[in-house]
Amino acid sequence: RGLNWGCEQLLQAASPTRPPAVARTIARDGEVPAAQPREAVHVRFARSQHAGSEDPVPPEGAVDGGLIVRVPGVLPDPALWDLYGKAADPFYWMRVILASNRGTLMELGISPIITSGMMMQLLAGAKIIEVDQSLKEDRVLFSGAQKLVGMAITLLEAVAYVLSGMYGDLKVLGAGNAILIIMQLFAAGVVVLMLDELLQKGYGMGSGISLFIATNICETIVWKAFSFITLNTGRGVEFEGAVIALFHLFFSRSDKFGAIKEAFYRQNAPNITSLLATLLVFFVVIFFQGFRVDLPVKYQKIRGQMGNYPIKLFYTSNIPIILQTALVSNLYFFSQLLYKRFKSNMFVNMVGQWQEDEAAGQSVPVGGLVYYVSPPRSFAEIFGDPFHALVYVVIVLVSCALFSKFWIDVSGSSARDVAKQLKDQQMMMPGFRDTDMTKVLNRYIPTAAAFGGACIGALTIVADFLGAVGSGTGILLAVTIIYQFFEQICKEREQGSVMF
């Protein structure tokens, strides 16, 4: 139960909708929204309330929801300590889905929130602690205990990061600096927990996890486009930001054509081609979001009331790529740990071989299984080792399709579950019996899940091959989260309940 809760909290970033409060007959636009996992088919949504509180939804304008977005966007900016860049980052592959930035106040990301929730759900599921979710007092105590555990985990992770040498040797760092770093990480973690609590209480939209992930990725893209940090590349001083570097190179060099070419294709820093690839993937994902099949539905007891049940191409949203990234990231992490200790072991070498990349500040796979599940970093690598590129494409496409089909079965959004939800809502499909509803939905939902998952994987591959800023997985996460927030705002505005 605890593991399931943790996965649901992390994967809710792909579906930041609020819990439905009351079922209506037919939405104003005549459309029945797609079923959410473990929920009935509802057609109108109200502002969410925290599971441990009966407080009413705050009035419009009570809290600026944009503040919750801006604060975690500021936390990644201050660097904690300059020594962190001297060692490879063992958590590099997991930072996208954890909304984490190395060497900053957002070093821990959302990992304390996920870990504390999983621990409390495990304790409750194993009956180690008795919780009756039907009682308000128990819900409040459970929520408070979860936040307290989250603060304790934040402190423990901060201490573990410092003691493990993430910021350098403790003898060089000193006790005073180590304590200051721990205090900063702890304070930033408490701020993240408070922001997540605000969103759970109903101040703002969506979940804190989804907002933190989207904000972290968007901040990375903007930073690499407009950063004023200077780099010494051996050919003079250049700016890190691609747009800033374009103007600097154009006005500072006599060879204008060479300067533009350098800005578009430089390999040692973000370039204009990467930004254009990012925009291309952004618009392509939005374009595919509009692909769907509308199945007509009507109420059995009300004549003339017709609506549509939409089945989107991205039926499971970006959940397949989240699951695939989480699986590969854990494989990378354990493979690095094993390779550092047992380099001569044949089995360890079959799993993965690693090499330090001092320029990128991370370890990169150069052999074994992890090499073939890692994306080629440039077109030169694709042409140099086409077998690697082919294996990577096949693994991503197949795994995303399988994860998507697996997710509809475990999340309560399969054809059988949707048919049951429609029956519970006293809905039917014109021209079909109630017993045939599952067969009709089976024609569309499994196909949409598998093909949509493969499309998500293909878009991620294209983004990685084009060198898009923030990685293909990061861009897919950001675009789908932002687009779903946009859809939610439009729906609430049509229903007259939007708080903006």
Foldseek 3Di string as FASTA:
>chain_A
DLVVVLLCVLLCLLPQAADADDADAAAPVQAFEADFFPDFGGRDHAFAAFLQDPDDADAFPPDDQVVLLVVLLVFFPDFLADQLLQAADLLVLVCLSQLADPRTLRNRRCVLLSVLSSVLVVCCVVVVDPADSVDSVRSNVSVVVSLVSSLVVQLVVLLVCVPVQSRHDCVVCDPVSSVVSSVSNSVSSNVLSVSQVCVSRRNHTGGSSSSSSLSSLVSQLVCQQDPQDWDCPVVDIAGQHLPRRLVCQCVVDPPNVVSNVCQADPDLHDHPLQAVLLVVLLVVLVVQQPAWDWFKKHFPVDPPSIHTYIQGLLNSQLSLVVVVSVVLSVLSSVLVVCCVPCVPDPVSVQSFDWDDDSSVSHIDTDGHPSQLCDADQEVVVCVVCVVSNVSNLVVLLVSLLVVLLVCCVVRQNALVSNLVSCVVVNMDGPPDDSVCSSVVRNVPNSVSSNSSSSVLSVSQNSSNHSNHRSGSSSSSSNSSSVVSVVVNQVSCVVVVNHSD
